[in-house]
Amino acid sequence: MDPGARLDFDRRRRLGMVEAVWGEHKSPGQIAAIIQQLGQAGELALVTRVDRAKALAVAELLGLSLESGLPTGLGHHPEARCLTMGAWPAADPGLGRVTVLAGGSSDLAVAAEVLVALQCHGVACDLLLDVGVAGLHRLLDQLDDLRRARVLIACAGMEGALPTVLAGLLPQPVIAVPVSVGYGVSAGGKAALHGMLASCAPGLTVVNIDNGYGAAMAALRILGGTGAAID
């Protein structure tokens, strides 16, 4: 199980972030070998874009049982399409809370990836679904609770208007995640991406299409929770 990979074991010291592994285009053997290396180094493993079939193959290679949604041991998180190995840290109350919003349940896979990535770094977070602009009243009903979050992450497909509305109503940092959901001209999330980049809401942060992990790490930087050593 030679992974052919040089892992960045210094990333936690530099940035306070575990090294995430892109799993979609790696074989079960490569993923298993990387997880072994991370475990030997005492690091939590976070592998993104792993379906259940590949997760089961990885578990077989490692000789471990696979648990769904478990934040300890070898756990597969099917909604997030993530595989983790090792115990997640307890949430640090000093960091505050991140609320992840999704326009609809079609955005759930990306939103769930955000949640898993945050939880792997000890960030308290929650999910608010079905608050897309097609039913704006559902979002307006939640504004009081949303004001208590330190950072908001909004996942939206179609025209991607949700982050602009949020950033126009609330003062916290808003991170926009375009999602590859929508009919023809939505173009696999490009319409949402372009709309978010062209937003008239000042200070809106935009990450790449379906990049839930990147949004989570942007939030971690904003929270100041990197824990990186300063020389």
C-alpha atoms as a PDB file:
ATOM      1  CA  MET A   1       0.000   0.000   0.000  1.00  0.00           C
ATOM      2  CA  ASP A   2       2.583   2.572  -1.079  1.00  0.00           C
ATOM      3  CA  PRO A   3       0.748   5.917  -1.219  1.00  0.00           C
ATOM      4  CA  GLY A   4       3.332   7.700  -3.338  1.00  0.00           C
ATOM      5  CA  ALA A   5       2.543  10.753  -1.232  1.00  0.00           C
ATOM      6  CA  ARG A   6       4.633  13.125   0.865  1.00  0.00           C
ATOM      7  CA  LEU A   7       2.326  14.268   3.634  1.00  0.00           C
ATOM      8  CA  ASP A   8       2.492  17.726   5.157  1.00  0.00           C
ATOM      9  CA  PHE A   9       2.966  16.853   8.817  1.00  0.00           C
ATOM     10  CA  ASP A  10       4.025  20.433   9.568  1.00  0.00           C
ATOM     11  CA  ARG A  11       0.670  21.898   8.525  1.00  0.00           C
ATOM     12  CA  ARG A  12      -0.808  21.809  12.017  1.00  0.00           C
ATOM     13  CA  ARG A  13       2.151  23.737  13.428  1.00  0.00           C
ATOM     14  CA  ARG A  14       2.112  26.310  10.612  1.00  0.00           C
ATOM     15  CA  LEU A  15      -1.616  26.710  10.153  1.00  0.00           C
ATOM     16  CA  GLY A  16      -3.373  24.796  12.920  1.00  0.00           C
ATOM     17  CA  MET A  17      -5.061  22.626  10.298  1.00  0.00           C
ATOM     18  CA  VAL A  18      -4.947  18.892   9.755  1.00  0.00           C
ATOM     19  CA  GLU A  19      -3.955  17.856   6.266  1.00  0.00           C
ATOM     20  CA  ALA A  20      -7.107  17.010   4.353  1.00  0.00           C
ATOM     21  CA  VAL A  21      -6.815  14.305   1.717  1.00  0.00           C
ATOM     22  CA  TRP A  22      -8.740  14.450  -1.551  1.00  0.00           C
ATOM     23  CA  GLY A  23     -10.176  10.951  -1.858  1.00  0.00           C
ATOM     24  CA  GLU A  24     -12.228  11.006  -5.047  1.00  0.00           C
ATOM     25  CA  HIS A  25      -9.355  10.237  -7.393  1.00  0.00           C
ATOM     26  CA  LYS A  26      -7.310   8.056  -5.042  1.00  0.00           C
ATOM     27  CA  SER A  27      -7.578   4.291  -4.813  1.00  0.00           C
ATOM     28  CA  PRO A  28      -8.588   2.539  -1.584  1.00  0.00           C
ATOM     29  CA  GLY A  29      -4.985   1.358  -1.282  1.00  0.00           C
ATOM     30  CA  GLN A  30      -3.603   4.876  -1.529  1.00  0.00           C
ATOM     31  CA  ILE A  31      -6.110   6.185   1.032  1.00  0.00           C
ATOM     32  CA  ALA A  32      -5.421   3.327   3.441  1.00  0.00           C
ATOM     33  CA  ALA A  33      -1.675   3.907   3.261  1.00  0.00           C
ATOM     34  CA  ILE A  34      -2.100   7.638   3.868  1.00  0.00           C
ATOM     35  CA  ILE A  35      -4.371   7.001   6.849  1.00  0.00           C
ATOM     36  CA  GLN A  36      -1.729   4.668   8.278  1.00  0.00           C
ATOM     37  CA  GLN A  37       0.953   7.334   7.899  1.00  0.00           C
ATOM     38  CA  LEU A  38      -1.236   9.949   9.556  1.00  0.00           C
ATOM     39  CA  GLY A  39      -2.037   7.595  12.419  1.00  0.00           C
ATOM     40  CA  GLN A  40       1.641   6.799  12.995  1.00  0.00           C
ATOM     41  CA  ALA A  41       2.274  10.548  13.219  1.00  0.00           C
ATOM     42  CA  GLY A  42      -0.531  10.959  15.752  1.00  0.00           C
ATOM     43  CA  GLU A  43      -2.629  13.008  13.331  1.00  0.00           C
ATOM     44  CA  LEU A  44      -6.349  12.932  12.713  1.00  0.00           C
ATOM     45  CA  ALA A  45      -7.154  11.774   9.185  1.00  0.00           C
ATOM     46  CA  LEU A  46      -9.740  13.657   7.135  1.00  0.00           C
ATOM     47  CA  VAL A  47     -10.403  12.299   3.650  1.00  0.00           C
ATOM     48  CA  THR A  48     -12.964  14.087   1.488  1.00  0.00           C
ATOM     49  CA  ARG A  49     -15.079  12.805  -1.403  1.00  0.00           C
ATOM     50  CA  VAL A  50     -15.246   9.157  -0.390  1.00  0.00           C
ATOM     51  CA  ASP A  51     -18.382   7.123  -1.104  1.00  0.00           C
ATOM     52  CA  ARG A  52     -19.429   4.168   1.040  1.00  0.00           C
ATOM     53  CA  ALA A  53     -18.075   1.523  -1.338  1.00  0.00           C
ATOM     54  CA  LYS A  54     -14.608   3.046  -1.284  1.00  0.00           C
ATOM     55  CA  ALA A  55     -14.813   3.586   2.480  1.00  0.00           C
ATOM     56  CA  LEU A  56     -15.610  -0.103   2.986  1.00  0.00           C
ATOM     57  CA  ALA A  57     -12.658  -1.071   0.792  1.00  0.00           C
ATOM     58  CA  VAL A  58     -10.353   1.160   2.847  1.00  0.00           C
ATOM     59  CA  ALA A  59     -11.644  -0.361   6.083  1.00  0.00           C
ATOM     60  CA  GLU A  60     -10.991  -3.879   4.768  1.00  0.00           C
ATOM     61  CA  LEU A  61      -7.418  -2.973   3.848  1.00  0.00           C
ATOM     62  CA  LEU A  62      -6.837  -1.509   7.311  1.00  0.00           C
ATOM     63  CA  GLY A  63      -8.497  -4.462   9.039  1.00  0.00           C
ATOM     64  CA  LEU A  64     -10.918  -2.139  10.818  1.00  0.00           C
ATOM     65  CA  SER A  65     -14.667  -1.934  11.154  1.00  0.00           C
ATOM     66  CA  LEU A  66     -16.357   1.045   9.541  1.00  0.00           C
ATOM     67  CA  GLU A  67     -18.824   3.085  11.545  1.00  0.00           C
ATOM     68  CA  SER A  68     -21.231   5.583  10.000  1.00  0.00           C
ATOM     69  CA  GLY A  69     -20.979   9.107  11.350  1.00  0.00           C
ATOM     70  CA  LEU A  70     -18.749   8.117  14.265  1.00  0.00           C
ATOM     71  CA  PRO A  71     -16.345  10.882  15.450  1.00  0.00           C
ATOM     72  CA  THR A  72     -13.874   8.286  16.764  1.00  0.00           C
ATOM     73  CA  GLY A  73     -12.082   5.367  15.159  1.00  0.00           C
ATOM     74  CA  LEU A  74     -12.619   4.882  11.431  1.00  0.00           C
ATOM     75  CA  GLY A  75     -15.829   6.708  10.590  1.00  0.00           C
ATOM     76  CA  HIS A  76     -17.622   7.291   7.311  1.00  0.00           C
ATOM     77  CA  HIS A  77     -19.888  10.340   7.131  1.00  0.00           C
ATOM     78  CA  PRO A  78     -22.156   9.553   4.177  1.00  0.00           C
ATOM     79  CA  GLU A  79     -23.907  12.910   3.851  1.00  0.00           C
ATOM     80  CA  ALA A  80     -20.551  14.689   3.816  1.00  0.00           C
ATOM     81  CA  ARG A  81     -18.850  11.975   1.729  1.00  0.00           C
ATOM     82  CA  CYS A  82     -15.939  12.097   4.189  1.00  0.00           C
ATOM     83  CA  LEU A  83     -13.848   9.443   5.896  1.00  0.00           C
ATOM     84  CA  THR A  84     -12.136  10.205   9.210  1.00  0.00           C
ATOM     85  CA  MET A  85      -9.777   8.278  11.445  1.00  0.00           C
ATOM     86  CA  GLY A  86      -9.096   9.264  15.040  1.00  0.00           C
ATOM     87  CA  ALA A  87     -10.996  11.093  17.757  1.00  0.00           C
ATOM     88  CA  TRP A  88     -12.343  14.543  16.990  1.00  0.00           C
ATOM     89  CA  PRO A  89     -11.355  17.261  19.456  1.00  0.00           C
ATOM     90  CA  ALA A  90     -13.961  18.681  21.795  1.00  0.00           C
ATOM     91  CA  ALA A  91     -15.477  21.951  20.636  1.00  0.00           C
ATOM     92  CA  ASP A  92     -13.529  24.956  21.924  1.00  0.00           C
ATOM     93  CA  PRO A  93     -16.070  27.393  23.407  1.00  0.00           C
ATOM     94  CA  GLY A  94     -13.584  30.215  22.999  1.00  0.00           C
ATOM     95  CA  LEU A  95     -13.901  30.016  19.236  1.00  0.00           C
ATOM     96  CA  GLY A  96     -17.628  30.670  19.191  1.00  0.00           C
ATOM     97  CA  ARG A  97     -20.115  29.050  16.865  1.00  0.00           C
ATOM     98  CA  VAL A  98     -20.324  28.770  13.087  1.00  0.00           C
ATOM     99  CA  THR A  99     -23.731  28.384  11.462  1.00  0.00           C
ATOM    100  CA  VAL A 100     -23.837  26.631   8.105  1.00  0.00           C
ATOM    101  CA  LEU A 101     -26.860  27.492   5.962  1.00  0.00           C
ATOM    102  CA  ALA A 102     -28.106  25.726   2.860  1.00  0.00           C
ATOM    103  CA  GLY A 103     -30.704  26.902   0.397  1.00  0.00           C
ATOM    104  CA  GLY A 104     -32.210  23.419   0.212  1.00  0.00           C
ATOM    105  CA  SER A 105     -31.542  19.761   0.903  1.00  0.00           C
ATOM    106  CA  SER A 106     -29.891  19.465  -2.529  1.00  0.00           C
ATOM    107  CA  ASP A 107     -27.029  21.499  -1.045  1.00  0.00           C
ATOM    108  CA  LEU A 108     -26.687  19.145   1.924  1.00  0.00           C
ATOM    109  CA  ALA A 109     -23.624  17.200   0.746  1.00  0.00           C
ATOM    110  CA  VAL A 110     -21.530  20.364   0.547  1.00  0.00           C
ATOM    111  CA  ALA A 111     -22.923  21.764   3.800  1.00  0.00           C
ATOM    112  CA  ALA A 112     -22.222  18.464   5.568  1.00  0.00           C
ATOM    113  CA  GLU A 113     -18.606  18.568   4.357  1.00  0.00           C
ATOM    114  CA  VAL A 114     -18.308  21.999   5.990  1.00  0.00           C
ATOM    115  CA  LEU A 115     -19.620  20.614   9.277  1.00  0.00           C
ATOM    116  CA  VAL A 116     -17.268  17.625   9.360  1.00  0.00           C
ATOM    117  CA  ALA A 117     -14.238  19.791   8.535  1.00  0.00           C
ATOM    118  CA  LEU A 118     -15.123  22.263  11.292  1.00  0.00           C
ATOM    119  CA  GLN A 119     -15.770  19.552  13.867  1.00  0.00           C
ATOM    120  CA  CYS A 120     -12.413  17.959  13.080  1.00  0.00           C
ATOM    121  CA  HIS A 121     -10.857  21.248  14.219  1.00  0.00           C
ATOM    122  CA  GLY A 122     -12.835  21.688  17.416  1.00  0.00           C
ATOM    123  CA  VAL A 123     -15.263  24.308  16.120  1.00  0.00           C
ATOM    124  CA  ALA A 124     -18.846  24.250  17.388  1.00  0.00           C
ATOM    125  CA  CYS A 125     -21.242  24.444  14.456  1.00  0.00           C
ATOM    126  CA  ASP A 126     -24.832  23.883  13.473  1.00  0.00           C
ATOM    127  CA  LEU A 127     -26.828  23.509  10.276  1.00  0.00           C
ATOM    128  CA  LEU A 128     -29.819  25.467   9.046  1.00  0.00           C
ATOM    129  CA  LEU A 129     -31.523  23.933   6.002  1.00  0.00           C
ATOM    130  CA  ASP A 130     -34.191  25.163   3.574  1.00  0.00           C
ATOM    131  CA  VAL A 131     -33.601  28.899   3.925  1.00  0.00           C
ATOM    132  CA  GLY A 132     -33.166  29.687   0.234  1.00  0.00           C
ATOM    133  CA  VAL A 133     -34.441  32.964  -1.156  1.00  0.00           C
ATOM    134  CA  ALA A 134     -37.399  31.262  -2.860  1.00  0.00           C
ATOM    135  CA  GLY A 135     -38.964  31.210   0.613  1.00  0.00           C
ATOM    136  CA  LEU A 136     -37.313  34.259   2.138  1.00  0.00           C
ATOM    137  CA  HIS A 137     -39.592  34.271   5.189  1.00  0.00           C
ATOM    138  CA  ARG A 138     -37.915  31.065   6.367  1.00  0.00           C
ATOM    139  CA  LEU A 139     -34.599  32.907   6.587  1.00  0.00           C
ATOM    140  CA  LEU A 140     -36.026  36.060   8.159  1.00  0.00           C
ATOM    141  CA  ASP A 141     -37.541  33.960  10.935  1.00  0.00           C
ATOM    142  CA  GLN A 142     -34.038  32.835  11.928  1.00  0.00           C
ATOM    143  CA  LEU A 143     -32.213  36.180  12.039  1.00  0.00           C
ATOM    144  CA  ASP A 144     -32.193  36.539  15.825  1.00  0.00           C
ATOM    145  CA  ASP A 145     -30.541  33.155  16.272  1.00  0.00           C
ATOM    146  CA  LEU A 146     -28.122  33.769  13.403  1.00  0.00           C
ATOM    147  CA  ARG A 147     -26.848  36.923  15.088  1.00  0.00           C
ATOM    148  CA  ARG A 148     -25.351  34.707  17.814  1.00  0.00           C
ATOM    149  CA  ALA A 149     -23.006  32.933  15.396  1.00  0.00           C
ATOM    150  CA  ARG A 150     -19.507  34.324  14.870  1.00  0.00           C
ATOM    151  CA  VAL A 151     -19.288  33.223  11.228  1.00  0.00           C
ATOM    152  CA  LEU A 152     -21.947  32.265   8.684  1.00  0.00           C
ATOM    153  CA  ILE A 153     -21.291  29.864   5.807  1.00  0.00           C
ATOM    154  CA  ALA A 154     -23.959  29.856   3.097  1.00  0.00           C
ATOM    155  CA  CYS A 155     -24.162  27.023   0.553  1.00  0.00           C
ATOM    156  CA  ALA A 156     -26.403  27.705  -2.438  1.00  0.00           C
ATOM    157  CA  GLY A 157     -26.924  26.567  -6.011  1.00  0.00           C
ATOM    158  CA  MET A 158     -29.192  27.928  -8.749  1.00  0.00           C
ATOM    159  CA  GLU A 159     -28.453  31.692  -8.898  1.00  0.00           C
ATOM    160  CA  GLY A 160     -26.675  31.574  -5.510  1.00  0.00           C
ATOM    161  CA  ALA A 161     -28.433  34.597  -3.971  1.00  0.00           C
ATOM    162  CA  LEU A 162     -28.528  33.388  -0.356  1.00  0.00           C
ATOM    163  CA  PRO A 163     -25.067  34.688   0.712  1.00  0.00           C
ATOM    164  CA  THR A 164     -25.772  38.158  -0.704  1.00  0.00           C
ATOM    165  CA  VAL A 165     -29.034  38.383   1.241  1.00  0.00           C
ATOM    166  CA  LEU A 166     -27.296  37.229   4.432  1.00  0.00           C
ATOM    167  CA  ALA A 167     -24.421  39.672   4.032  1.00  0.00           C
ATOM    168  CA  GLY A 168     -26.920  42.493   3.510  1.00  0.00           C
ATOM    169  CA  LEU A 169     -28.805  41.665   6.715  1.00  0.00           C
ATOM    170  CA  LEU A 170     -26.167  40.542   9.234  1.00  0.00           C
ATOM    171  CA  PRO A 171     -22.790  41.967  10.288  1.00  0.00           C
ATOM    172  CA  GLN A 172     -20.755  38.770  10.753  1.00  0.00           C
ATOM    173  CA  PRO A 173     -18.310  37.417   8.182  1.00  0.00           C
ATOM    174  CA  VAL A 174     -20.261  35.522   5.522  1.00  0.00           C
ATOM    175  CA  ILE A 175     -18.544  32.831   3.455  1.00  0.00           C
ATOM    176  CA  ALA A 176     -20.315  31.867   0.246  1.00  0.00           C
ATOM    177  CA  VAL A 177     -20.109  28.369  -1.227  1.00  0.00           C
ATOM    178  CA  PRO A 178     -21.530  27.954  -4.737  1.00  0.00           C
ATOM    179  CA  VAL A 179     -23.078  24.528  -5.191  1.00  0.00           C
ATOM    180  CA  SER A 180     -23.318  22.605  -8.463  1.00  0.00           C
ATOM    181  CA  VAL A 181     -27.113  22.320  -8.299  1.00  0.00           C
ATOM    182  CA  GLY A 182     -29.539  23.751 -10.834  1.00  0.00           C
ATOM    183  CA  TYR A 183     -31.015  23.491 -14.319  1.00  0.00           C
ATOM    184  CA  GLY A 184     -29.140  24.055 -17.593  1.00  0.00           C
ATOM    185  CA  VAL A 185     -27.782  27.596 -17.364  1.00  0.00           C
ATOM    186  CA  SER A 186     -26.747  26.982 -13.773  1.00  0.00           C
ATOM    187  CA  ALA A 187     -23.798  25.317 -15.519  1.00  0.00           C
ATOM    188  CA  GLY A 188     -22.681  23.064 -12.696  1.00  0.00           C
ATOM    189  CA  GLY A 189     -22.482  25.873 -10.167  1.00  0.00           C
ATOM    190  CA  LYS A 190     -20.859  28.495 -12.395  1.00  0.00           C
ATOM    191  CA  ALA A 191     -23.934  30.725 -12.359  1.00  0.00           C
ATOM    192  CA  ALA A 192     -23.934  30.684  -8.553  1.00  0.00           C
ATOM    193  CA  LEU A 193     -20.181  31.308  -8.471  1.00  0.00           C
ATOM    194  CA  HIS A 194     -20.401  34.273 -10.835  1.00  0.00           C
ATOM    195  CA  GLY A 195     -23.351  35.711  -8.942  1.00  0.00           C
ATOM    196  CA  MET A 196     -21.503  35.447  -5.629  1.00  0.00           C
ATOM    197  CA  LEU A 197     -18.346  36.997  -7.078  1.00  0.00           C
ATOM    198  CA  ALA A 198     -20.422  39.840  -8.504  1.00  0.00           C
ATOM    199  CA  SER A 199     -22.349  40.335  -5.247  1.00  0.00           C
ATOM    200  CA  CYS A 200     -23.083  43.898  -4.187  1.00  0.00           C
ATOM    201  CA  ALA A 201     -22.831  42.881  -0.508  1.00  0.00           C
ATOM    202  CA  PRO A 202     -19.491  44.302   0.718  1.00  0.00           C
ATOM    203  CA  GLY A 203     -17.002  41.925   2.295  1.00  0.00           C
ATOM    204  CA  LEU A 204     -18.543  38.674   1.110  1.00  0.00           C
ATOM    205  CA  THR A 205     -15.955  35.864   0.901  1.00  0.00           C
ATOM    206  CA  VAL A 206     -16.419  33.336  -1.919  1.00  0.00           C
ATOM    207  CA  VAL A 207     -14.793  29.909  -2.281  1.00  0.00           C
ATOM    208  CA  ASN A 208     -14.755  27.537  -5.225  1.00  0.00           C
ATOM    209  CA  ILE A 209     -17.710  25.448  -6.406  1.00  0.00           C
ATOM    210  CA  ASP A 210     -18.667  22.695  -3.903  1.00  0.00           C
ATOM    211  CA  ASN A 211     -15.602  23.512  -1.774  1.00  0.00           C
ATOM    212  CA  GLY A 212     -17.060  22.885   1.663  1.00  0.00           C
ATOM    213  CA  TYR A 213     -13.660  22.100   3.148  1.00  0.00           C
ATOM    214  CA  GLY A 214     -12.208  25.387   1.891  1.00  0.00           C
ATOM    215  CA  ALA A 215     -15.102  27.329   3.405  1.00  0.00           C
ATOM    216  CA  ALA A 216     -14.547  25.618   6.754  1.00  0.00           C
ATOM    217  CA  MET A 217     -10.853  26.525   6.733  1.00  0.00           C
ATOM    218  CA  ALA A 218     -11.670  30.135   5.827  1.00  0.00           C
ATOM    219  CA  ALA A 219     -13.946  30.222   8.876  1.00  0.00           C
ATOM    220  CA  LEU A 220     -11.205  28.729  11.051  1.00  0.00           C
ATOM    221  CA  ARG A 221      -8.826  31.503  10.016  1.00  0.00           C
ATOM    222  CA  ILE A 222     -11.453  34.150  10.792  1.00  0.00           C
ATOM    223  CA  LEU A 223     -12.102  32.641  14.219  1.00  0.00           C
ATOM    224  CA  GLY A 224      -8.421  32.799  15.026  1.00  0.00           C
ATOM    225  CA  GLY A 225      -8.520  29.173  16.003  1.00  0.00           C
ATOM    226  CA  THR A 226      -5.510  28.026  14.016  1.00  0.00           C
ATOM    227  CA  GLY A 227      -3.431  27.249  17.099  1.00  0.00           C
ATOM    228  CA  ALA A 228      -0.367  27.673  14.891  1.00  0.00           C
ATOM    229  CA  ALA A 229       2.926  28.355  16.613  1.00  0.00           C
ATOM    230  CA  ILE A 230       4.298  31.876  16.172  1.00  0.00           C
ATOM    231  CA  ASP A 231       8.079  32.063  15.967  1.00  0.00           C
END
